[in-house]
Every structure is written in structure tokens, then in C-alpha cells.
């Protein structure tokens, strides 16, 4: 088993939070105490180093392992208050990372609706 970093999910979460807060990428960089060019490179596909990842995770206010995938076919959904649901593909029907992200998004929407 090898862990992987969900860079696409990470950037999508950054962009969603940025839009919800009606901020520019430059403003996000300022709040996260990063250089705008550094954030631009991360958004464009560069892998963040640990200090920059930590700064952006702190800005997002999500658990630090949210974008770490333990193995293929597994994804966590964070429900808040330390609660986590693990989504796993059945061995015979492996879901792609994109499909797992859709499932996670659907579960998160349900949780938000229940909290409203």
C-alpha cells in the first residue's frame, strides 16, 4: 500500500473556499502567509512542500490528512467534530479517484444539509 497526495482535490478545496469567501488568489496567499507566485505554482500543479501545505491546510481549516489517500479505492469524508467516514471501493468494482471525489462530495452535501 502506498499513500498518495490528492493534488486535484486539494486545489479544488482551495478554490471552493476562495470562492465562498469571495477572495482573489492573491488574498488567499496573503492570509496563508505565502508568496502569490508560490500559491500560483501550487494551483497550477506543483507539489507543495510541508510548510506551505501546512499553511494552506490551516487556511482551509481542515484536517492535515484530508488529501492523503492511503490506498487506491479508499477515501475519507470528514464530517466535522472529529468524525470521519471511510469510503472504500468493493474489490470487484474499483472506483476511480474522480468517482470517489463525487461520492465524498455527495456525502458532504448531505451532512451540510443535515447541519442546516
PDB file of N, CA and C in Angstrom:
ATOM      1  N   UNK A   1       0.840  -1.184   0.000  1.00  0.00           N
ATOM      2  CA  UNK A   1       0.000   0.000   0.000  1.00  0.00           C
ATOM      3  C   UNK A   1       0.881   1.242   0.000  1.00  0.00           C
ATOM      4  N   UNK A   2       0.604   2.152  -0.890  1.00  0.00           N
ATOM      5  CA  UNK A   2       1.358   3.397  -0.864  1.00  0.00           C
ATOM      6  C   UNK A   2       0.389   4.564  -0.814  1.00  0.00           C
ATOM      7  N   UNK A   3       0.708   5.516  -0.002  1.00  0.00           N
ATOM      8  CA  UNK A   3      -0.138   6.703   0.137  1.00  0.00           C
ATOM      9  C   UNK A   3       0.138   7.654  -1.016  1.00  0.00           C
ATOM     10  N   UNK A   4      -0.892   8.377  -1.416  1.00  0.00           N
ATOM     11  CA  UNK A   4      -0.748   9.367  -2.477  1.00  0.00           C
ATOM     12  C   UNK A   4      -1.375  10.676  -2.026  1.00  0.00           C
ATOM     13  N   UNK A   5      -0.958  11.742  -2.664  1.00  0.00           N
ATOM     14  CA  UNK A   5      -1.491  13.070  -2.374  1.00  0.00           C
ATOM     15  C   UNK A   5      -2.516  13.427  -3.439  1.00  0.00           C
ATOM     16  N   UNK A   6      -3.719  13.798  -3.021  1.00  0.00           N
ATOM     17  CA  UNK A   6      -4.789  14.186  -3.950  1.00  0.00           C
ATOM     18  C   UNK A   6      -4.643  15.673  -4.264  1.00  0.00           C
ATOM     19  N   UNK A   7      -3.719  15.985  -5.173  1.00  0.00           N
ATOM     20  CA  UNK A   7      -3.449  17.377  -5.523  1.00  0.00           C
ATOM     21  C   UNK A   7      -4.682  18.033  -6.133  1.00  0.00           C
ATOM     22  N   UNK A   8      -5.381  17.304  -6.990  1.00  0.00           N
ATOM     23  CA  UNK A   8      -6.588  17.853  -7.625  1.00  0.00           C
ATOM     24  C   UNK A   8      -7.627  18.218  -6.574  1.00  0.00           C
ATOM     25  N   UNK A   9      -7.875  17.315  -5.644  1.00  0.00           N
ATOM     26  CA  UNK A   9      -8.835  17.587  -4.574  1.00  0.00           C
ATOM     27  C   UNK A   9      -8.400  18.749  -3.698  1.00  0.00           C
ATOM     28  N   UNK A  10      -7.093  18.851  -3.457  1.00  0.00           N
ATOM     29  CA  UNK A  10      -6.538  19.933  -2.648  1.00  0.00           C
ATOM     30  C   UNK A  10      -6.797  21.284  -3.312  1.00  0.00           C
ATOM     31  N   UNK A  11      -6.478  21.376  -4.598  1.00  0.00           N
ATOM     32  CA  UNK A  11      -6.677  22.634  -5.327  1.00  0.00           C
ATOM     33  C   UNK A  11      -8.171  22.951  -5.450  1.00  0.00           C
ATOM     34  N   UNK A  12      -8.994  21.925  -5.676  1.00  0.00           N
ATOM     35  CA  UNK A  12     -10.444  22.152  -5.741  1.00  0.00           C
ATOM     36  C   UNK A  12     -10.968  22.705  -4.418  1.00  0.00           C
ATOM     37  N   UNK A  13     -10.481  22.171  -3.302  1.00  0.00           N
ATOM     38  CA  UNK A  13     -10.909  22.659  -1.986  1.00  0.00           C
ATOM     39  C   UNK A  13     -10.457  24.099  -1.766  1.00  0.00           C
ATOM     40  N   UNK A  14      -9.227  24.412  -2.177  1.00  0.00           N
ATOM     41  CA  UNK A  14      -8.738  25.788  -2.067  1.00  0.00           C
ATOM     42  C   UNK A  14      -9.607  26.735  -2.884  1.00  0.00           C
ATOM     43  N   UNK A  15      -9.900  26.336  -4.119  1.00  0.00           N
ATOM     44  CA  UNK A  15     -10.689  27.193  -4.998  1.00  0.00           C
ATOM     45  C   UNK A  15     -12.115  27.367  -4.471  1.00  0.00           C
ATOM     46  N   UNK A  16     -12.703  26.293  -3.973  1.00  0.00           N
ATOM     47  CA  UNK A  16     -14.062  26.379  -3.423  1.00  0.00           C
ATOM     48  C   UNK A  16     -14.099  27.322  -2.218  1.00  0.00           C
ATOM     49  N   UNK A  17     -13.128  27.175  -1.316  1.00  0.00           N
ATOM     50  CA  UNK A  17     -13.073  28.048  -0.138  1.00  0.00           C
ATOM     51  C   UNK A  17     -12.814  29.495  -0.551  1.00  0.00           C
ATOM     52  N   UNK A  18     -11.940  29.676  -1.529  1.00  0.00           N
ATOM     53  CA  UNK A  18     -11.632  31.027  -2.025  1.00  0.00           C
ATOM     54  C   UNK A  18     -12.893  31.686  -2.579  1.00  0.00           C
ATOM     55  N   UNK A  19     -13.640  30.941  -3.373  1.00  0.00           N
ATOM     56  CA  UNK A  19     -14.861  31.496  -3.956  1.00  0.00           C
ATOM     57  C   UNK A  19     -15.928  31.766  -2.891  1.00  0.00           C
ATOM     58  N   UNK A  20     -16.071  30.842  -1.930  1.00  0.00           N
ATOM     59  CA  UNK A  20     -17.042  31.046  -0.849  1.00  0.00           C
ATOM     60  C   UNK A  20     -16.730  32.307  -0.045  1.00  0.00           C
ATOM     61  N   UNK A  21     -15.441  32.596   0.098  1.00  0.00           N
ATOM     62  CA  UNK A  21     -15.012  33.771   0.866  1.00  0.00           C
ATOM     63  C   UNK A  21     -14.870  35.013  -0.016  1.00  0.00           C
ATOM     64  N   UNK A  22     -15.187  34.867  -1.307  1.00  0.00           N
ATOM     65  CA  UNK A  22     -15.093  35.970  -2.279  1.00  0.00           C
ATOM     66  C   UNK A  22     -13.712  36.622  -2.245  1.00  0.00           C
ATOM     67  N   UNK A  23     -12.681  35.780  -2.368  1.00  0.00           N
ATOM     68  CA  UNK A  23     -11.304  36.254  -2.306  1.00  0.00           C
ATOM     69  C   UNK A  23     -10.589  35.984  -3.620  1.00  0.00           C
ATOM     70  N   UNK A  24      -9.561  36.779  -3.868  1.00  0.00           N
ATOM     71  CA  UNK A  24      -8.675  36.520  -5.002  1.00  0.00           C
ATOM     72  C   UNK A  24      -7.583  35.555  -4.530  1.00  0.00           C
ATOM     73  N   UNK A  25      -6.871  34.962  -5.484  1.00  0.00           N
ATOM     74  CA  UNK A  25      -5.755  34.089  -5.110  1.00  0.00           C
ATOM     75  C   UNK A  25      -4.688  34.887  -4.360  1.00  0.00           C
ATOM     76  N   UNK A  26      -4.503  36.135  -4.736  1.00  0.00           N
ATOM     77  CA  UNK A  26      -3.527  36.991  -4.050  1.00  0.00           C
ATOM     78  C   UNK A  26      -3.921  37.171  -2.581  1.00  0.00           C
ATOM     79  N   UNK A  27      -5.213  37.344  -2.320  1.00  0.00           N
ATOM     80  CA  UNK A  27      -5.687  37.490  -0.939  1.00  0.00           C
ATOM     81  C   UNK A  27      -5.505  36.188  -0.156  1.00  0.00           C
ATOM     82  N   UNK A  28      -5.749  35.062  -0.815  1.00  0.00           N
ATOM     83  CA  UNK A  28      -5.527  33.763  -0.165  1.00  0.00           C
ATOM     84  C   UNK A  28      -4.060  33.640   0.228  1.00  0.00           C
ATOM     85  N   UNK A  29      -3.175  33.968  -0.708  1.00  0.00           N
ATOM     86  CA  UNK A  29      -1.738  33.894  -0.427  1.00  0.00           C
ATOM     87  C   UNK A  29      -1.372  34.770   0.765  1.00  0.00           C
ATOM     88  N   UNK A  30      -1.924  35.977   0.810  1.00  0.00           N
ATOM     89  CA  UNK A  30      -1.617  36.888   1.921  1.00  0.00           C
ATOM     90  C   UNK A  30      -2.095  36.309   3.247  1.00  0.00           C
ATOM     91  N   UNK A  31      -3.318  35.792   3.274  1.00  0.00           N
ATOM     92  CA  UNK A  31      -3.844  35.228   4.525  1.00  0.00           C
ATOM     93  C   UNK A  31      -3.074  33.988   4.958  1.00  0.00           C
ATOM     94  N   UNK A  32      -2.606  33.199   3.990  1.00  0.00           N
ATOM     95  CA  UNK A  32      -1.848  31.988   4.308  1.00  0.00           C
ATOM     96  C   UNK A  32      -0.363  32.282   4.515  1.00  0.00           C
ATOM     97  N   UNK A  33       0.006  33.550   4.353  1.00  0.00           N
ATOM     98  CA  UNK A  33       1.395  33.998   4.511  1.00  0.00           C
ATOM     99  C   UNK A  33       2.332  33.293   3.530  1.00  0.00           C
ATOM    100  N   UNK A  34       1.875  33.245   2.269  1.00  0.00           N
ATOM    101  CA  UNK A  34       2.673  32.687   1.179  1.00  0.00           C
ATOM    102  C   UNK A  34       2.890  33.757   0.120  1.00  0.00           C
ATOM    103  N   UNK A  35       3.932  33.586  -0.666  1.00  0.00           N
ATOM    104  CA  UNK A  35       4.132  34.457  -1.815  1.00  0.00           C
ATOM    105  C   UNK A  35       3.061  34.117  -2.853  1.00  0.00           C
ATOM    106  N   UNK A  36       2.464  35.115  -3.495  1.00  0.00           N
ATOM    107  CA  UNK A  36       1.449  34.827  -4.521  1.00  0.00           C
ATOM    108  C   UNK A  36       1.960  33.896  -5.620  1.00  0.00           C
ATOM    109  N   UNK A  37       3.223  34.059  -6.010  1.00  0.00           N
ATOM    110  CA  UNK A  37       3.773  33.201  -7.068  1.00  0.00           C
ATOM    111  C   UNK A  37       3.878  31.745  -6.605  1.00  0.00           C
ATOM    112  N   UNK A  38       4.140  31.539  -5.328  1.00  0.00           N
ATOM    113  CA  UNK A  38       4.200  30.181  -4.781  1.00  0.00           C
ATOM    114  C   UNK A  38       2.830  29.532  -4.847  1.00  0.00           C
ATOM    115  N   UNK A  39       1.810  30.264  -4.417  1.00  0.00           N
ATOM    116  CA  UNK A  39       0.453  29.728  -4.468  1.00  0.00           C
ATOM    117  C   UNK A  39       0.040  29.467  -5.914  1.00  0.00           C
ATOM    118  N   UNK A  40       0.408  30.364  -6.809  1.00  0.00           N
ATOM    119  CA  UNK A  40       0.077  30.191  -8.227  1.00  0.00           C
ATOM    120  C   UNK A  40       0.685  28.896  -8.773  1.00  0.00           C
ATOM    121  N   UNK A  41       1.931  28.603  -8.395  1.00  0.00           N
ATOM    122  CA  UNK A  41       2.584  27.368  -8.849  1.00  0.00           C
ATOM    123  C   UNK A  41       1.882  26.131  -8.285  1.00  0.00           C
ATOM    124  N   UNK A  42       1.473  26.198  -7.014  1.00  0.00           N
ATOM    125  CA  UNK A  42       0.768  25.067  -6.399  1.00  0.00           C
ATOM    126  C   UNK A  42      -0.558  24.824  -7.113  1.00  0.00           C
ATOM    127  N   UNK A  43      -1.301  25.897  -7.354  1.00  0.00           N
ATOM    128  CA  UNK A  43      -2.595  25.780  -8.040  1.00  0.00           C
ATOM    129  C   UNK A  43      -2.403  25.234  -9.461  1.00  0.00           C
ATOM    130  N   UNK A  44      -1.290  25.598 -10.090  1.00  0.00           N
ATOM    131  CA  UNK A  44      -1.010  25.150 -11.458  1.00  0.00           C
ATOM    132  C   UNK A  44      -0.508  23.711 -11.525  1.00  0.00           C
ATOM    133  N   UNK A  45      -0.211  23.098 -10.369  1.00  0.00           N
ATOM    134  CA  UNK A  45       0.191  21.697 -10.391  1.00  0.00           C
ATOM    135  C   UNK A  45       1.437  21.330  -9.627  1.00  0.00           C
ATOM    136  N   UNK A  46       2.196  22.317  -9.128  1.00  0.00           N
ATOM    137  CA  UNK A  46       3.391  21.996  -8.350  1.00  0.00           C
ATOM    138  C   UNK A  46       2.995  21.413  -6.998  1.00  0.00           C
ATOM    139  N   UNK A  47       3.803  20.500  -6.521  1.00  0.00           N
ATOM    140  CA  UNK A  47       3.559  19.870  -5.236  1.00  0.00           C
ATOM    141  C   UNK A  47       4.026  20.810  -4.119  1.00  0.00           C
ATOM    142  N   UNK A  48       3.157  21.123  -3.157  1.00  0.00           N
ATOM    143  CA  UNK A  48       3.591  21.998  -2.065  1.00  0.00           C
ATOM    144  C   UNK A  48       4.531  21.257  -1.120  1.00  0.00           C
ATOM    145  N   UNK A  49       5.508  21.982  -0.584  1.00  0.00           N
ATOM    146  CA  UNK A  49       6.333  21.362   0.445  1.00  0.00           C
ATOM    147  C   UNK A  49       5.537  21.391   1.756  1.00  0.00           C
ATOM    148  N   UNK A  50       6.052  20.737   2.779  1.00  0.00           N
ATOM    149  CA  UNK A  50       5.298  20.578   4.023  1.00  0.00           C
ATOM    150  C   UNK A  50       4.914  21.899   4.688  1.00  0.00           C
ATOM    151  N   UNK A  51       5.824  22.878   4.833  1.00  0.00           N
ATOM    152  CA  UNK A  51       5.414  24.134   5.469  1.00  0.00           C
ATOM    153  C   UNK A  51       4.307  24.867   4.698  1.00  0.00           C
ATOM    154  N   UNK A  52       4.386  24.849   3.377  1.00  0.00           N
ATOM    155  CA  UNK A  52       3.353  25.526   2.581  1.00  0.00           C
ATOM    156  C   UNK A  52       2.037  24.748   2.614  1.00  0.00           C
ATOM    157  N   UNK A  53       2.127  23.423   2.593  1.00  0.00           N
ATOM    158  CA  UNK A  53       0.929  22.593   2.723  1.00  0.00           C
ATOM    159  C   UNK A  53       0.260  22.876   4.070  1.00  0.00           C
ATOM    160  N   UNK A  54       1.052  22.931   5.129  1.00  0.00           N
ATOM    161  CA  UNK A  54       0.510  23.203   6.463  1.00  0.00           C
ATOM    162  C   UNK A  54      -0.162  24.573   6.515  1.00  0.00           C
ATOM    163  N   UNK A  55       0.446  25.566   5.880  1.00  0.00           N
ATOM    164  CA  UNK A  55      -0.141  26.913   5.873  1.00  0.00           C
ATOM    165  C   UNK A  55      -1.487  26.915   5.156  1.00  0.00           C
ATOM    166  N   UNK A  56      -1.576  26.200   4.052  1.00  0.00           N
ATOM    167  CA  UNK A  56      -2.826  26.169   3.293  1.00  0.00           C
ATOM    168  C   UNK A  56      -3.885  25.307   3.971  1.00  0.00           C
ATOM    169  N   UNK A  57      -3.469  24.235   4.612  1.00  0.00           N
ATOM    170  CA  UNK A  57      -4.407  23.406   5.386  1.00  0.00           C
ATOM    171  C   UNK A  57      -4.972  24.226   6.535  1.00  0.00           C
ATOM    172  N   UNK A  58      -4.112  25.014   7.171  1.00  0.00           N
ATOM    173  CA  UNK A  58      -4.567  25.886   8.256  1.00  0.00           C
ATOM    174  C   UNK A  58      -5.561  26.912   7.717  1.00  0.00           C
ATOM    175  N   UNK A  59      -5.284  27.478   6.553  1.00  0.00           N
ATOM    176  CA  UNK A  59      -6.197  28.452   5.950  1.00  0.00           C
ATOM    177  C   UNK A  59      -7.539  27.796   5.618  1.00  0.00           C
ATOM    178  N   UNK A  60      -7.499  26.550   5.140  1.00  0.00           N
ATOM    179  CA  UNK A  60      -8.730  25.823   4.824  1.00  0.00           C
ATOM    180  C   UNK A  60      -9.490  25.387   6.081  1.00  0.00           C
ATOM    181  N   UNK A  61      -8.766  25.254   7.189  1.00  0.00           N
ATOM    182  CA  UNK A  61      -9.343  24.744   8.447  1.00  0.00           C
ATOM    183  C   UNK A  61      -9.880  23.326   8.283  1.00  0.00           C
ATOM    184  N   UNK A  62      -9.049  22.466   7.701  1.00  0.00           N
ATOM    185  CA  UNK A  62      -9.406  21.055   7.552  1.00  0.00           C
ATOM    186  C   UNK A  62      -8.287  20.202   8.151  1.00  0.00           C
ATOM    187  N   UNK A  63      -8.577  18.932   8.454  1.00  0.00           N
ATOM    188  CA  UNK A  63      -7.527  18.047   8.980  1.00  0.00           C
ATOM    189  C   UNK A  63      -6.377  17.902   7.985  1.00  0.00           C
ATOM    190  N   UNK A  64      -5.178  17.778   8.498  1.00  0.00           N
ATOM    191  CA  UNK A  64      -3.990  17.752   7.639  1.00  0.00           C
ATOM    192  C   UNK A  64      -3.926  16.538   6.722  1.00  0.00           C
ATOM    193  N   UNK A  65      -4.620  15.455   7.067  1.00  0.00           N
ATOM    194  CA  UNK A  65      -4.556  14.266   6.219  1.00  0.00           C
ATOM    195  C   UNK A  65      -5.723  14.162   5.238  1.00  0.00           C
ATOM    196  N   UNK A  66      -6.501  15.210   5.115  1.00  0.00           N
ATOM    197  CA  UNK A  66      -7.688  15.154   4.251  1.00  0.00           C
ATOM    198  C   UNK A  66      -7.355  14.789   2.804  1.00  0.00           C
ATOM    199  N   UNK A  67      -6.208  15.197   2.320  1.00  0.00           N
ATOM    200  CA  UNK A  67      -5.865  14.988   0.917  1.00  0.00           C
ATOM    201  C   UNK A  67      -4.830  13.880   0.718  1.00  0.00           C
ATOM    202  N   UNK A  68      -4.605  13.085   1.751  1.00  0.00           N
ATOM    203  CA  UNK A  68      -3.701  11.946   1.668  1.00  0.00           C
ATOM    204  C   UNK A  68      -4.546  10.695   1.474  1.00  0.00           C
ATOM    205  N   UNK A  69      -4.276   9.963   0.422  1.00  0.00           N
ATOM    206  CA  UNK A  69      -5.011   8.734   0.120  1.00  0.00           C
ATOM    207  C   UNK A  69      -4.144   7.551   0.522  1.00  0.00           C
ATOM    208  N   UNK A  70      -4.670   6.764   1.453  1.00  0.00           N
ATOM    209  CA  UNK A  70      -3.903   5.627   1.969  1.00  0.00           C
ATOM    210  C   UNK A  70      -3.701   4.544   0.921  1.00  0.00           C
ATOM    211  N   UNK A  71      -4.685   4.300   0.111  1.00  0.00           N
ATOM    212  CA  UNK A  71      -4.553   3.290  -0.939  1.00  0.00           C
ATOM    213  C   UNK A  71      -5.606   3.560  -1.997  1.00  0.00           C
ATOM    214  N   UNK A  72      -5.442   2.944  -3.130  1.00  0.00           N
ATOM    215  CA  UNK A  72      -6.433   3.110  -4.197  1.00  0.00           C
ATOM    216  C   UNK A  72      -7.761   2.548  -3.724  1.00  0.00           C
ATOM    217  N   UNK A  73      -8.822   3.253  -4.090  1.00  0.00           N
ATOM    218  CA  UNK A  73     -10.140   2.777  -3.737  1.00  0.00           C
ATOM    219  C   UNK A  73     -10.582   3.123  -2.335  1.00  0.00           C
ATOM    220  N   UNK A  74      -9.872   4.033  -1.674  1.00  0.00           N
ATOM    221  CA  UNK A  74     -10.228   4.446  -0.319  1.00  0.00           C
ATOM    222  C   UNK A  74     -10.195   5.963  -0.234  1.00  0.00           C
ATOM    223  N   UNK A  75     -11.187   6.538   0.414  1.00  0.00           N
ATOM    224  CA  UNK A  75     -11.233   7.986   0.599  1.00  0.00           C
ATOM    225  C   UNK A  75     -11.993   8.293   1.884  1.00  0.00           C
ATOM    226  N   UNK A  76     -11.527   9.279   2.628  1.00  0.00           N
ATOM    227  CA  UNK A  76     -12.198   9.689   3.856  1.00  0.00           C
ATOM    228  C   UNK A  76     -13.110  10.873   3.597  1.00  0.00           C
ATOM    229  N   UNK A  77     -14.218  10.918   4.321  1.00  0.00           N
ATOM    230  CA  UNK A  77     -15.121  12.063   4.311  1.00  0.00           C
ATOM    231  C   UNK A  77     -15.138  12.600   5.730  1.00  0.00           C
ATOM    232  N   UNK A  78     -14.747  13.855   5.915  1.00  0.00           N
ATOM    233  CA  UNK A  78     -14.697  14.477   7.231  1.00  0.00           C
ATOM    234  C   UNK A  78     -16.024  15.148   7.515  1.00  0.00           C
ATOM    235  N   UNK A  79     -16.648  14.750   8.611  1.00  0.00           N
ATOM    236  CA  UNK A  79     -17.972  15.245   8.956  1.00  0.00           C
ATOM    237  C   UNK A  79     -17.931  16.376   9.962  1.00  0.00           C
ATOM    238  N   UNK A  80     -16.776  16.765  10.424  1.00  0.00           N
ATOM    239  CA  UNK A  80     -16.662  17.775  11.468  1.00  0.00           C
ATOM    240  C   UNK A  80     -16.685  17.104  12.826  1.00  0.00           C
ATOM    241  N   UNK A  81     -16.306  17.828  13.833  1.00  0.00           N
ATOM    242  CA  UNK A  81     -16.269  17.316  15.206  1.00  0.00           C
ATOM    243  C   UNK A  81     -15.468  16.019  15.317  1.00  0.00           C
ATOM    244  N   UNK A  82     -14.452  15.878  14.483  1.00  0.00           N
ATOM    245  CA  UNK A  82     -13.590  14.702  14.554  1.00  0.00           C
ATOM    246  C   UNK A  82     -14.193  13.430  13.983  1.00  0.00           C
ATOM    247  N   UNK A  83     -15.332  13.517  13.344  1.00  0.00           N
ATOM    248  CA  UNK A  83     -15.978  12.331  12.780  1.00  0.00           C
ATOM    249  C   UNK A  83     -15.540  12.137  11.333  1.00  0.00           C
ATOM    250  N   UNK A  84     -15.250  10.891  10.995  1.00  0.00           N
ATOM    251  CA  UNK A  84     -14.777  10.563   9.656  1.00  0.00           C
ATOM    252  C   UNK A  84     -15.507   9.318   9.156  1.00  0.00           C
ATOM    253  N   UNK A  85     -15.904   9.346   7.903  1.00  0.00           N
ATOM    254  CA  UNK A  85     -16.432   8.155   7.241  1.00  0.00           C
ATOM    255  C   UNK A  85     -15.397   7.752   6.203  1.00  0.00           C
ATOM    256  N   UNK A  86     -15.057   6.480   6.172  1.00  0.00           N
ATOM    257  CA  UNK A  86     -14.135   5.989   5.157  1.00  0.00           C
ATOM    258  C   UNK A  86     -14.947   5.349   4.038  1.00  0.00           C
ATOM    259  N   UNK A  87     -14.724   5.787   2.814  1.00  0.00           N
ATOM    260  CA  UNK A  87     -15.397   5.222   1.647  1.00  0.00           C
ATOM    261  C   UNK A  87     -14.408   4.270   0.980  1.00  0.00           C
ATOM    262  N   UNK A  88     -14.848   3.051   0.743  1.00  0.00           N
ATOM    263  CA  UNK A  88     -13.992   2.067   0.083  1.00  0.00           C
ATOM    264  C   UNK A  88     -14.713   1.494  -1.122  1.00  0.00           C
ATOM    265  N   UNK A  89     -13.954   1.236  -2.161  1.00  0.00           N
ATOM    266  CA  UNK A  89     -14.494   0.539  -3.323  1.00  0.00           C
ATOM    267  C   UNK A  89     -14.579  -0.944  -3.002  1.00  0.00           C
ATOM    268  N   UNK A  90     -15.539  -1.605  -3.589  1.00  0.00           N
ATOM    269  CA  UNK A  90     -15.578  -3.056  -3.487  1.00  0.00           C
ATOM    270  C   UNK A  90     -14.447  -3.622  -4.331  1.00  0.00           C
ATOM    271  N   UNK A  91     -13.838  -4.738  -3.906  1.00  0.00           N
ATOM    272  CA  UNK A  91     -12.710  -5.286  -4.666  1.00  0.00           C
ATOM    273  C   UNK A  91     -13.030  -5.540  -6.138  1.00  0.00           C
ATOM    274  N   UNK A  92     -14.267  -5.946  -6.435  1.00  0.00           N
ATOM    275  CA  UNK A  92     -14.623  -6.257  -7.822  1.00  0.00           C
ATOM    276  C   UNK A  92     -14.949  -5.009  -8.633  1.00  0.00           C
ATOM    277  N   UNK A  93     -15.244  -3.894  -7.971  1.00  0.00           N
ATOM    278  CA  UNK A  93     -15.641  -2.666  -8.666  1.00  0.00           C
ATOM    279  C   UNK A  93     -14.820  -1.510  -8.116  1.00  0.00           C
ATOM    280  N   UNK A  94     -13.628  -1.347  -8.631  1.00  0.00           N
ATOM    281  CA  UNK A  94     -12.770  -0.250  -8.179  1.00  0.00           C
ATOM    282  C   UNK A  94     -13.293   1.072  -8.710  1.00  0.00           C
ATOM    283  N   UNK A  95     -13.537   2.032  -7.808  1.00  0.00           N
ATOM    284  CA  UNK A  95     -13.933   3.372  -8.224  1.00  0.00           C
ATOM    285  C   UNK A  95     -12.682   4.185  -8.526  1.00  0.00           C
ATOM    286  N   UNK A  96     -12.778   5.056  -9.491  1.00  0.00           N
ATOM    287  CA  UNK A  96     -11.658   5.940  -9.802  1.00  0.00           C
ATOM    288  C   UNK A  96     -11.585   7.032  -8.737  1.00  0.00           C
ATOM    289  N   UNK A  97     -10.470   7.750  -8.711  1.00  0.00           N
ATOM    290  CA  UNK A  97     -10.343   8.866  -7.769  1.00  0.00           C
ATOM    291  C   UNK A  97     -11.444   9.892  -8.004  1.00  0.00           C
ATOM    292  N   UNK A  98     -11.764  10.154  -9.260  1.00  0.00           N
ATOM    293  CA  UNK A  98     -12.829  11.106  -9.580  1.00  0.00           C
ATOM    294  C   UNK A  98     -14.176  10.646  -9.054  1.00  0.00           C
ATOM    295  N   UNK A  99     -14.476   9.360  -9.218  1.00  0.00           N
ATOM    296  CA  UNK A  99     -15.739   8.824  -8.702  1.00  0.00           C
ATOM    297  C   UNK A  99     -15.787   8.910  -7.180  1.00  0.00           C
ATOM    298  N   UNK A 100     -14.670   8.594  -6.533  1.00  0.00           N
ATOM    299  CA  UNK A 100     -14.620   8.695  -5.070  1.00  0.00           C
ATOM    300  C   UNK A 100     -14.819  10.135  -4.616  1.00  0.00           C
ATOM    301  N   UNK A 101     -14.245  11.106  -5.356  1.00  0.00           N
ATOM    302  CA  UNK A 101     -14.439  12.514  -5.000  1.00  0.00           C
ATOM    303  C   UNK A 101     -15.910  12.898  -5.115  1.00  0.00           C
ATOM    304  N   UNK A 102     -16.598  12.373  -6.137  1.00  0.00           N
ATOM    305  CA  UNK A 102     -18.033  12.655  -6.292  1.00  0.00           C
ATOM    306  C   UNK A 102     -18.829  12.081  -5.120  1.00  0.00           C
ATOM    307  N   UNK A 103     -18.485  10.858  -4.706  1.00  0.00           N
ATOM    308  CA  UNK A 103     -19.170  10.247  -3.559  1.00  0.00           C
ATOM    309  C   UNK A 103     -18.913  11.079  -2.310  1.00  0.00           C
ATOM    310  N   UNK A 104     -17.644  11.474  -2.108  1.00  0.00           N
ATOM    311  CA  UNK A 104     -17.315  12.296  -0.943  1.00  0.00           C
ATOM    312  C   UNK A 104     -18.098  13.601  -0.975  1.00  0.00           C
ATOM    313  N   UNK A 105     -18.161  14.239  -2.138  1.00  0.00           N
ATOM    314  CA  UNK A 105     -18.907  15.489  -2.265  1.00  0.00           C
ATOM    315  C   UNK A 105     -20.378  15.314  -1.937  1.00  0.00           C
ATOM    316  N   UNK A 106     -20.963  14.203  -2.392  1.00  0.00           N
ATOM    317  CA  UNK A 106     -22.379  13.942  -2.113  1.00  0.00           C
ATOM    318  C   UNK A 106     -22.612  13.753  -0.620  1.00  0.00           C
ATOM    319  N   UNK A 107     -21.742  12.997   0.033  1.00  0.00           N
ATOM    320  CA  UNK A 107     -21.887  12.780   1.478  1.00  0.00           C
ATOM    321  C   UNK A 107     -21.711  14.096   2.226  1.00  0.00           C
ATOM    322  N   UNK A 108     -20.730  14.906   1.826  1.00  0.00           N
ATOM    323  CA  UNK A 108     -20.520  16.197   2.485  1.00  0.00           C
ATOM    324  C   UNK A 108     -21.728  17.112   2.308  1.00  0.00           C
ATOM    325  N   UNK A 109     -22.357  17.080   1.129  1.00  0.00           N
ATOM    326  CA  UNK A 109     -23.577  17.876   0.900  1.00  0.00           C
ATOM    327  C   UNK A 109     -24.704  17.427   1.825  1.00  0.00           C
ATOM    328  N   UNK A 110     -24.851  16.119   1.991  1.00  0.00           N
ATOM    329  CA  UNK A 110     -25.884  15.592   2.891  1.00  0.00           C
ATOM    330  C   UNK A 110     -25.630  16.059   4.314  1.00  0.00           C
ATOM    331  N   UNK A 111     -24.375  15.987   4.750  1.00  0.00           N
ATOM    332  CA  UNK A 111     -24.031  16.414   6.112  1.00  0.00           C
ATOM    333  C   UNK A 111     -24.312  17.898   6.289  1.00  0.00           C
ATOM    334  N   UNK A 112     -23.949  18.725   5.295  1.00  0.00           N
ATOM    335  CA  UNK A 112     -24.227  20.162   5.387  1.00  0.00           C
ATOM    336  C   UNK A 112     -25.728  20.417   5.473  1.00  0.00           C
ATOM    337  N   UNK A 113     -26.509  19.684   4.689  1.00  0.00           N
ATOM    338  CA  UNK A 113     -27.968  19.854   4.720  1.00  0.00           C
ATOM    339  C   UNK A 113     -28.534  19.459   6.081  1.00  0.00           C
ATOM    340  N   UNK A 114     -27.996  18.422   6.673  1.00  0.00           N
ATOM    341  CA  UNK A 114     -28.473  17.988   7.988  1.00  0.00           C
ATOM    342  C   UNK A 114     -28.089  18.979   9.080  1.00  0.00           C
ATOM    343  N   UNK A 115     -26.950  19.645   8.904  1.00  0.00           N
ATOM    344  CA  UNK A 115     -26.494  20.629   9.894  1.00  0.00           C
ATOM    345  C   UNK A 115     -27.240  21.950   9.785  1.00  0.00           C
ATOM    346  N   UNK A 116     -27.865  22.203   8.644  1.00  0.00           N
ATOM    347  CA  UNK A 116     -28.545  23.494   8.417  1.00  0.00           C
ATOM    348  C   UNK A 116     -29.825  23.615   9.225  1.00  0.00           C
TER     349      UNK A 116
END
